[in-house]
Amino acid sequence: MIEVLEEVYKLVTPSPEEERKVREVSQLAKSLVAEAVSAYRIDAEVDVYGSAARFTWLPGQRDIDVFVVLKDRGIKPEDVTSLLSRFFTERGVSWVMRYAQHPYLTLFLEGYEVDVVPCYKIMAGERPITAADRSPLHHRFLIDRLNETQRRDVRALKLFLKTIGVYGAEIKTEGFSGYLTELLVAYYGSLIEVLKAAARWRPYKTYIAFSDVRTKFRAPLVVVDPVDPNRNAAAAVSLTSMSTFILAARRFLKRPSLSYFQPRPSTPIRLNVVEVVFPYPNEPPDTVWGRYKKMGRSLYQWFKKCGFRVFRWGVESDENSYVSLVYVMDQLELMPYVLHRGPPVYDEAVDAFVEKYIGEEVVGPFVQGSRVYVIKKRRFTHVSECIQAQLGREGYEIRVNSYEGDLVRKNPWIT
């Protein structure tokens, strides 16, 4: 265990040069935003929050968060974003507009992406107006609670979660946010204590709070936000993500390995796979992932109705050119006939069943045991026919047995 952790801490500790660069770009971004706020006489405070401010970022991370904390509630965040975009255009600073609850800017400065997020200034316990309003309070809560060793453990836990595929609260991942990761280390005290606790977690029975509050939430994991007792900081964590973390924690403690921080390469196994590939729409990632996950679940249920067995499925995208629904199947083509079970012979529904099929081209109806059966012709025999019946024939591409991604590979981290 000790030898593994020593290697892990080397992986998650930024070089002095990278630390210096992050500080420099953070200060540059803060100064630029403060200058813009002053130029347009916006009544606001400007500061850097998030992992860059608390030194809990991973080496290679190129994200910095600058918040424009509005004191004047008469100004809208979108108006601030519009003014700032004009200022940065005039200054020749490259930027793009992105969207969450309201629009925000991402600046491109010296190889780093800097999110400039407007929010309103609120006090502890005060109801937020936008989701970003809590960020300054989150920072103040954590900055004094995490010592240098714990910050290192936060970075290690982030890499652990990232490796097992559950780091990130966006709809794509439905996992653990950076803030939640920091809260877990602050609550339990260290990386190992977090893992020991997680190994004992049970979905829908795990409740973590920093104070004596008993706000009720219906979620697999509950971590009461210490700055807002009405918010579950773990609300984004899905049952699958929580369960994946529980398993990974158990196995790491049993057989410590660097693979939980540096996954092993693996080769794909040849299985029956069908992909339904769509062009990527010009919409925010959360919107896209939400829509296609919903579509993916619907198509999964439709496959079962068509008689196909799906081993596992997922949604994949480069968030630029394509979105793909991927299904690992038992088989891609079915026999033309299927055994269809009817009701027991003594059930009132048996007459309707018999009358439905008595005039059809079927084998039967016949009795086996106490039930009536028929052998009838399938509506669809090939997986592509099933897909087209549900989605139509245009707007996507069907690919068969060309997939070699994670859904057909050996788990790269488990020991």
Protein backbone atom coordinates (compact mmCIF):
# COMPACT_ATOMS: atom_id res chain seq x y z
CA MET A 1 0.00 0.00 0.00
CA ILE A 2 2.70 2.51 1.03
CA GLU A 3 4.74 1.90 -2.13
CA VAL A 4 1.65 2.37 -4.33
CA LEU A 5 0.67 5.61 -2.59
CA GLU A 6 4.19 6.99 -2.92
CA GLU A 7 3.94 6.52 -6.70
CA VAL A 8 0.43 7.97 -6.75
CA TYR A 9 1.52 11.12 -4.95
CA LYS A 10 4.26 11.61 -7.55
CA LEU A 11 1.62 11.36 -10.29
CA VAL A 12 -0.68 13.96 -8.74
CA THR A 13 1.90 16.54 -7.65
CA PRO A 14 2.38 19.32 -10.22
CA SER A 15 5.87 20.48 -11.05
CA PRO A 16 7.03 23.86 -9.64
CA GLU A 17 6.93 25.24 -13.20
CA GLU A 18 3.31 24.17 -13.68
CA GLU A 19 2.32 25.62 -10.30
CA ARG A 20 3.93 28.91 -11.23
CA LYS A 21 2.20 28.96 -14.62
CA VAL A 22 -1.23 28.30 -13.12
CA ARG A 23 -0.72 31.12 -10.63
CA GLU A 24 0.42 33.48 -13.39
CA VAL A 25 -2.51 32.69 -15.71
CA SER A 26 -4.97 32.88 -12.80
CA GLN A 27 -3.67 36.32 -11.87
CA LEU A 28 -3.69 37.48 -15.49
CA ALA A 29 -7.29 36.28 -15.94
CA LYS A 30 -8.41 37.89 -12.70
CA SER A 31 -6.79 41.19 -13.68
CA LEU A 32 -8.39 41.18 -17.13
CA VAL A 33 -11.84 40.43 -15.75
CA ALA A 34 -11.45 43.02 -12.98
CA GLU A 35 -10.45 45.59 -15.59
CA ALA A 36 -13.54 44.80 -17.64
CA VAL A 37 -15.79 45.00 -14.57
CA SER A 38 -14.28 48.36 -13.69
CA ALA A 39 -14.57 49.67 -17.26
CA TYR A 40 -18.30 48.97 -17.34
CA ARG A 41 -18.80 50.06 -13.71
CA ILE A 42 -20.29 46.76 -12.68
CA ASP A 43 -20.73 46.55 -8.91
CA ALA A 44 -19.01 43.22 -8.34
CA GLU A 45 -16.09 41.40 -6.75
CA VAL A 46 -13.75 39.40 -8.95
CA ASP A 47 -11.84 36.40 -7.68
CA VAL A 48 -10.50 32.96 -8.60
CA TYR A 49 -12.33 30.04 -7.00
CA GLY A 50 -12.39 26.29 -7.55
CA SER A 51 -9.46 23.88 -7.72
CA ALA A 52 -7.00 26.43 -9.12
CA ALA A 53 -7.54 28.61 -6.04
CA ARG A 54 -7.35 25.74 -3.54
CA PHE A 55 -4.44 23.89 -5.19
CA THR A 56 -6.49 20.75 -5.69
CA TRP A 57 -6.05 20.55 -9.46
CA LEU A 58 -4.42 17.65 -11.28
CA PRO A 59 -1.21 18.03 -13.30
CA GLY A 60 -2.07 18.77 -16.90
CA GLN A 61 -5.40 20.35 -15.96
CA ARG A 62 -5.90 23.51 -17.97
CA ASP A 63 -9.06 24.89 -16.38
CA ILE A 64 -9.30 28.01 -14.21
CA ASP A 65 -12.50 29.54 -12.80
CA VAL A 66 -12.90 33.30 -12.35
CA PHE A 67 -16.12 34.48 -10.75
CA VAL A 68 -17.75 37.87 -11.13
CA VAL A 69 -19.67 38.10 -7.84
CA LEU A 70 -22.44 40.63 -8.40
CA LYS A 71 -23.51 42.83 -5.51
CA ASP A 72 -26.21 44.50 -7.60
CA ARG A 73 -29.12 42.11 -8.11
CA GLY A 74 -30.62 44.44 -10.67
CA ILE A 75 -28.14 43.29 -13.31
CA LYS A 76 -28.58 39.96 -15.06
CA PRO A 77 -25.69 37.49 -15.49
CA GLU A 78 -26.34 37.34 -19.24
CA ASP A 79 -25.94 41.13 -19.46
CA VAL A 80 -22.61 40.89 -17.65
CA THR A 81 -21.48 38.15 -20.04
CA SER A 82 -22.44 40.32 -23.01
CA LEU A 83 -20.43 43.28 -21.70
CA LEU A 84 -17.41 41.13 -20.90
CA SER A 85 -17.46 39.52 -24.35
CA ARG A 86 -17.36 42.99 -25.93
CA PHE A 87 -14.41 43.96 -23.74
CA PHE A 88 -12.40 40.82 -24.55
CA THR A 89 -13.11 41.15 -28.27
CA GLU A 90 -11.72 44.68 -28.18
CA ARG A 91 -8.66 43.41 -26.32
CA GLY A 92 -8.06 40.63 -28.80
CA VAL A 93 -8.65 37.89 -26.22
CA SER A 94 -10.03 34.69 -27.75
CA TRP A 95 -13.29 33.49 -26.14
CA VAL A 96 -16.39 31.36 -26.67
CA MET A 97 -19.84 31.58 -25.13
CA ARG A 98 -20.99 28.53 -23.20
CA TYR A 99 -24.17 27.72 -21.35
CA ALA A 100 -25.14 26.26 -18.00
CA GLN A 101 -28.04 27.76 -16.03
CA HIS A 102 -27.07 31.02 -17.72
CA PRO A 103 -24.38 31.89 -20.30
CA TYR A 104 -20.74 32.28 -19.29
CA LEU A 105 -17.49 32.92 -21.16
CA THR A 106 -14.48 30.70 -21.65
CA LEU A 107 -11.29 32.63 -22.36
CA PHE A 108 -8.24 31.08 -24.01
CA LEU A 109 -5.15 32.44 -22.30
CA GLU A 110 -1.66 31.06 -22.83
CA GLY A 111 -2.87 27.51 -23.41
CA TYR A 112 -5.38 27.54 -20.54
CA GLU A 113 -9.17 27.66 -20.59
CA VAL A 114 -10.54 30.22 -18.13
CA ASP A 115 -14.25 30.11 -17.33
CA VAL A 116 -15.59 33.54 -16.41
CA VAL A 117 -18.80 32.96 -14.46
CA PRO A 118 -21.16 35.68 -13.22
CA CYS A 119 -23.01 34.97 -9.97
CA TYR A 120 -24.73 36.88 -7.17
CA LYS A 121 -23.23 37.55 -3.76
CA ILE A 122 -25.13 35.66 -1.07
CA MET A 123 -24.58 34.98 2.61
CA ALA A 124 -24.37 31.55 4.22
CA GLY A 125 -27.86 30.08 4.51
CA GLU A 126 -29.32 32.52 2.00
CA ARG A 127 -31.24 31.02 -0.89
CA PRO A 128 -29.15 31.21 -4.09
CA ILE A 129 -30.50 32.87 -7.21
CA THR A 130 -28.28 30.88 -9.58
CA ALA A 131 -26.41 27.60 -9.02
CA ALA A 132 -23.06 29.42 -9.26
CA ASP A 133 -23.90 31.68 -6.28
CA ARG A 134 -22.69 29.05 -3.81
CA SER A 135 -19.16 28.85 -5.26
CA PRO A 136 -17.60 31.64 -3.15
CA LEU A 137 -19.15 30.05 -0.04
CA HIS A 138 -17.84 26.65 -1.06
CA HIS A 139 -14.37 28.14 -1.38
CA ARG A 140 -14.47 29.78 2.02
CA PHE A 141 -15.72 26.56 3.64
CA LEU A 142 -12.95 24.41 2.19
CA ILE A 143 -9.95 26.74 2.11
CA ASP A 144 -9.44 26.53 5.89
CA ARG A 145 -10.37 22.86 6.26
CA LEU A 146 -7.91 21.26 3.86
CA ASN A 147 -4.27 21.20 4.91
CA GLU A 148 -1.44 20.55 2.45
CA THR A 149 -1.56 16.76 2.93
CA GLN A 150 -5.31 16.68 2.42
CA ARG A 151 -5.04 18.77 -0.75
CA ARG A 152 -2.64 16.15 -2.07
CA ASP A 153 -5.16 13.46 -1.11
CA VAL A 154 -7.93 15.36 -2.93
CA ARG A 155 -5.82 15.27 -6.09
CA ALA A 156 -5.21 11.55 -5.59
CA LEU A 157 -8.92 10.87 -5.05
CA LYS A 158 -9.77 12.85 -8.18
CA LEU A 159 -7.37 10.72 -10.22
CA PHE A 160 -8.82 7.54 -8.67
CA LEU A 161 -12.36 8.61 -9.61
CA LYS A 162 -11.24 9.71 -13.07
CA THR A 163 -9.54 6.37 -13.74
CA ILE A 164 -12.62 4.35 -12.81
CA GLY A 165 -14.81 6.63 -14.94
CA VAL A 166 -16.92 8.41 -12.32
CA TYR A 167 -15.26 11.83 -12.00
CA GLY A 168 -17.47 14.68 -13.12
CA ALA A 169 -20.99 15.79 -12.25
CA GLU A 170 -22.08 16.55 -15.80
CA ILE A 171 -24.83 14.45 -17.39
CA LYS A 172 -22.24 12.64 -19.49
CA THR A 173 -20.70 11.02 -16.38
CA GLU A 174 -23.27 11.41 -13.57
CA GLY A 175 -20.42 11.14 -11.10
CA PHE A 176 -18.48 12.96 -8.39
CA SER A 177 -17.80 16.67 -8.82
CA GLY A 178 -14.53 18.28 -7.79
CA TYR A 179 -16.32 20.00 -4.91
CA LEU A 180 -17.81 16.72 -3.70
CA THR A 181 -14.38 15.09 -3.86
CA GLU A 182 -12.96 17.83 -1.64
CA LEU A 183 -15.87 17.51 0.78
CA LEU A 184 -15.24 13.77 1.16
CA VAL A 185 -11.58 14.31 2.06
CA ALA A 186 -12.50 17.14 4.43
CA TYR A 187 -15.11 14.91 6.11
CA TYR A 188 -13.15 11.66 6.40
CA GLY A 189 -9.68 13.20 6.72
CA SER A 190 -7.62 11.39 4.07
CA LEU A 191 -7.72 9.41 0.83
CA ILE A 192 -7.49 6.04 2.59
CA GLU A 193 -10.22 6.93 5.08
CA VAL A 194 -12.49 7.97 2.20
CA LEU A 195 -11.89 4.61 0.50
CA LYS A 196 -12.45 2.67 3.72
CA ALA A 197 -15.73 4.50 4.26
CA ALA A 198 -16.82 4.10 0.62
CA ALA A 199 -16.21 0.36 0.80
CA ARG A 200 -18.93 0.25 3.49
CA TRP A 201 -21.40 2.59 1.77
CA ARG A 202 -24.82 1.30 0.78
CA PRO A 203 -26.93 3.04 -1.89
CA TYR A 204 -29.87 5.01 -0.49
CA LYS A 205 -28.55 4.40 3.04
CA THR A 206 -25.49 6.69 3.08
CA TYR A 207 -26.00 10.13 4.62
CA ILE A 208 -23.05 12.47 5.22
CA ALA A 209 -23.40 15.86 6.92
CA PHE A 210 -20.96 18.28 8.52
CA SER A 211 -23.52 19.51 11.03
CA ASP A 212 -26.59 18.22 12.80
CA VAL A 213 -29.09 18.44 9.95
CA ARG A 214 -31.51 15.79 8.76
CA THR A 215 -32.82 17.21 5.52
CA LYS A 216 -34.39 14.37 3.56
CA PHE A 217 -33.19 13.56 0.06
CA ARG A 218 -34.03 10.68 -2.23
CA ALA A 219 -30.71 9.77 -3.87
CA PRO A 220 -28.22 6.88 -3.85
CA LEU A 221 -25.67 9.04 -2.02
CA VAL A 222 -26.42 12.04 0.18
CA VAL A 223 -23.75 14.57 1.13
CA VAL A 224 -25.47 17.61 2.59
CA ASP A 225 -23.89 20.79 1.23
CA PRO A 226 -22.39 22.50 4.30
CA VAL A 227 -23.26 25.94 2.93
CA ASP A 228 -26.82 25.00 1.95
CA PRO A 229 -28.57 22.28 4.00
CA ASN A 230 -31.32 22.04 1.38
CA ARG A 231 -28.89 20.86 -1.29
CA ASN A 232 -27.42 17.41 -1.81
CA ALA A 233 -23.86 17.93 -3.07
CA ALA A 234 -23.94 14.35 -4.38
CA ALA A 235 -27.23 14.71 -6.29
CA ALA A 236 -25.51 14.11 -9.64
CA VAL A 237 -24.05 10.75 -8.56
CA SER A 238 -25.98 7.93 -10.21
CA LEU A 239 -26.52 4.51 -8.69
CA THR A 240 -24.05 3.04 -11.19
CA SER A 241 -21.37 5.64 -10.41
CA MET A 242 -21.75 5.18 -6.66
CA SER A 243 -21.65 1.40 -6.99
CA THR A 244 -18.58 1.57 -9.23
CA PHE A 245 -16.79 3.62 -6.57
CA ILE A 246 -17.81 1.18 -3.83
CA LEU A 247 -16.42 -1.75 -5.82
CA ALA A 248 -13.21 0.09 -6.73
CA ALA A 249 -12.62 1.13 -3.11
CA ARG A 250 -13.15 -2.44 -1.87
CA ARG A 251 -10.83 -3.94 -4.45
CA PHE A 252 -8.09 -1.30 -4.03
CA LEU A 253 -8.03 -1.83 -0.26
CA LYS A 254 -7.86 -5.59 -0.80
CA ARG A 255 -5.27 -5.49 -3.59
CA PRO A 256 -3.63 -2.03 -3.88
CA SER A 257 -2.41 -1.30 -7.39
CA LEU A 258 -1.29 1.66 -9.46
CA SER A 259 -3.87 0.56 -12.03
CA TYR A 260 -6.50 2.57 -10.09
CA PHE A 261 -4.55 5.69 -11.05
CA GLN A 262 -2.92 4.57 -14.32
CA PRO A 263 -5.25 2.13 -16.10
CA ARG A 264 -3.73 -0.83 -17.90
CA PRO A 265 -4.15 -1.07 -21.69
CA SER A 266 -6.45 -3.82 -22.90
CA THR A 267 -7.47 -5.26 -26.25
CA PRO A 268 -11.07 -5.47 -27.51
CA ILE A 269 -12.95 -8.76 -27.52
CA ARG A 270 -14.86 -9.58 -30.69
CA LEU A 271 -18.56 -9.43 -29.85
CA ASN A 272 -21.75 -8.55 -31.68
CA VAL A 273 -21.99 -4.76 -31.51
CA VAL A 274 -24.35 -2.36 -33.22
CA GLU A 275 -23.79 1.39 -33.23
CA VAL A 276 -26.41 3.99 -34.07
CA VAL A 277 -24.38 7.07 -35.01
CA PHE A 278 -25.83 10.60 -35.23
CA PRO A 279 -24.16 13.84 -36.31
CA TYR A 280 -23.37 15.99 -33.28
CA PRO A 281 -25.94 18.78 -32.86
CA ASN A 282 -25.00 22.38 -32.21
CA GLU A 283 -26.20 22.39 -28.60
CA PRO A 284 -24.67 22.45 -25.09
CA PRO A 285 -23.08 19.10 -24.08
CA ASP A 286 -25.44 18.53 -21.12
CA THR A 287 -28.44 18.93 -23.43
CA VAL A 288 -26.96 16.51 -25.96
CA TRP A 289 -25.95 13.87 -23.42
CA GLY A 290 -29.32 14.08 -21.68
CA ARG A 291 -31.27 13.63 -24.90
CA TYR A 292 -29.22 10.75 -26.28
CA LYS A 293 -29.05 8.90 -22.97
CA LYS A 294 -32.84 9.05 -22.90
CA MET A 295 -33.00 7.89 -26.51
CA GLY A 296 -30.49 5.13 -25.74
CA ARG A 297 -32.60 3.79 -22.86
CA SER A 298 -35.71 3.88 -25.03
CA LEU A 299 -33.99 1.96 -27.84
CA TYR A 300 -32.64 -0.56 -25.30
CA GLN A 301 -36.21 -1.28 -24.16
CA TRP A 302 -37.34 -1.51 -27.78
CA PHE A 303 -34.63 -4.08 -28.56
CA LYS A 304 -36.03 -6.28 -25.78
CA LYS A 305 -39.52 -5.99 -27.26
CA CYS A 306 -38.09 -7.02 -30.63
CA GLY A 307 -36.60 -10.12 -28.99
CA PHE A 308 -32.94 -9.05 -28.91
CA ARG A 309 -30.83 -9.51 -25.80
CA VAL A 310 -28.51 -6.60 -24.95
CA PHE A 311 -25.51 -7.43 -22.74
CA ARG A 312 -24.63 -3.76 -22.09
CA TRP A 313 -25.01 -0.40 -23.78
CA GLY A 314 -23.75 3.16 -23.59
CA VAL A 315 -23.58 6.56 -25.25
CA GLU A 316 -20.30 7.85 -26.65
CA SER A 317 -19.35 11.14 -28.31
CA ASP A 318 -16.38 13.35 -29.15
CA GLU A 319 -18.68 16.35 -28.43
CA ASN A 320 -17.80 17.67 -31.86
CA SER A 321 -18.74 15.47 -34.80
CA TYR A 322 -20.80 12.50 -33.59
CA VAL A 323 -22.98 10.94 -30.89
CA SER A 324 -23.20 7.15 -30.88
CA LEU A 325 -25.56 4.73 -29.15
CA VAL A 326 -23.58 1.52 -28.66
CA TYR A 327 -25.17 -1.86 -27.92
CA VAL A 328 -23.31 -5.09 -27.20
CA MET A 329 -25.74 -7.80 -28.33
CA ASP A 330 -26.20 -11.53 -27.88
CA GLN A 331 -26.96 -11.79 -31.61
CA LEU A 332 -27.70 -9.46 -34.50
CA GLU A 333 -30.15 -11.71 -36.34
CA LEU A 334 -32.91 -13.85 -34.88
CA MET A 335 -34.67 -17.01 -36.06
CA PRO A 336 -37.85 -16.11 -38.03
CA TYR A 337 -40.18 -17.80 -35.50
CA VAL A 338 -40.57 -17.37 -31.74
CA LEU A 339 -42.39 -19.28 -28.99
CA HIS A 340 -45.07 -17.02 -27.51
CA ARG A 341 -46.51 -17.92 -24.12
CA GLY A 342 -50.18 -17.36 -23.42
CA PRO A 343 -52.28 -17.48 -20.22
CA PRO A 344 -53.21 -20.57 -18.20
CA VAL A 345 -56.11 -22.56 -19.68
CA TYR A 346 -58.33 -21.72 -16.71
CA ASP A 347 -57.75 -17.97 -16.99
CA GLU A 348 -60.52 -15.78 -18.45
CA ALA A 349 -57.95 -14.30 -20.86
CA VAL A 350 -57.37 -17.64 -22.59
CA ASP A 351 -60.35 -17.21 -24.95
CA ALA A 352 -59.09 -13.88 -26.25
CA PHE A 353 -55.62 -15.40 -26.76
CA VAL A 354 -56.95 -18.36 -28.73
CA GLU A 355 -59.28 -16.19 -30.83
CA LYS A 356 -56.43 -13.80 -31.63
CA TYR A 357 -54.28 -16.54 -33.14
CA ILE A 358 -56.82 -19.06 -34.44
CA GLY A 359 -56.96 -17.31 -37.79
CA GLU A 360 -53.22 -16.51 -37.95
CA GLU A 361 -50.42 -18.46 -39.61
CA VAL A 362 -48.98 -19.97 -36.44
CA VAL A 363 -48.07 -23.31 -34.93
CA GLY A 364 -50.79 -23.95 -32.38
CA PRO A 365 -52.42 -22.76 -30.26
CA PHE A 366 -51.27 -25.73 -28.17
CA VAL A 367 -51.19 -26.59 -24.48
CA GLN A 368 -48.02 -27.30 -22.57
CA GLY A 369 -48.42 -27.84 -18.87
CA SER A 370 -51.21 -25.49 -17.85
CA ARG A 371 -50.58 -22.76 -20.41
CA VAL A 372 -51.48 -22.10 -24.04
CA TYR A 373 -48.69 -21.31 -26.51
CA VAL A 374 -48.21 -20.47 -30.16
CA ILE A 375 -45.12 -20.43 -32.34
CA LYS A 376 -45.46 -17.28 -34.41
CA LYS A 377 -43.47 -15.36 -36.99
CA ARG A 378 -41.33 -12.51 -35.68
CA ARG A 379 -42.03 -8.97 -36.80
CA PHE A 380 -38.29 -8.23 -37.14
CA THR A 381 -35.41 -10.66 -37.55
CA HIS A 382 -32.41 -8.34 -38.10
CA VAL A 383 -31.34 -5.69 -35.60
CA SER A 384 -31.34 -2.98 -38.29
CA GLU A 385 -35.05 -3.61 -38.98
CA CYS A 386 -35.81 -3.19 -35.30
CA ILE A 387 -33.85 0.11 -35.20
CA GLN A 388 -35.54 1.50 -38.30
CA ALA A 389 -38.99 0.70 -36.96
CA GLN A 390 -38.24 2.80 -33.90
CA LEU A 391 -36.12 5.66 -35.33
CA GLY A 392 -37.17 5.84 -38.97
CA ARG A 393 -34.72 5.44 -41.82
CA GLU A 394 -32.91 8.80 -41.94
CA GLY A 395 -30.70 11.02 -39.78
CA TYR A 396 -28.31 8.35 -38.51
CA GLU A 397 -25.96 5.58 -39.60
CA ILE A 398 -26.00 1.96 -38.42
CA ARG A 399 -22.59 0.33 -37.95
CA VAL A 400 -22.26 -3.37 -37.23
CA ASN A 401 -19.25 -5.04 -35.59
CA SER A 402 -16.80 -2.18 -36.16
CA TYR A 403 -16.72 -0.98 -32.52
CA GLU A 404 -13.58 -1.52 -30.40
CA GLY A 405 -14.21 0.84 -27.47
CA ASP A 406 -14.45 0.38 -23.70
CA LEU A 407 -17.73 -1.55 -23.79
CA VAL A 408 -15.95 -4.59 -25.27
CA ARG A 409 -12.71 -4.43 -23.29
CA LYS A 410 -11.51 -5.94 -20.03
CA ASN A 411 -11.80 -3.64 -17.01
CA PRO A 412 -8.50 -1.68 -17.13
CA TRP A 413 -8.21 -0.92 -13.41
CA ILE A 414 -9.74 -3.70 -11.31
CA THR A 415 -7.51 -6.06 -9.31
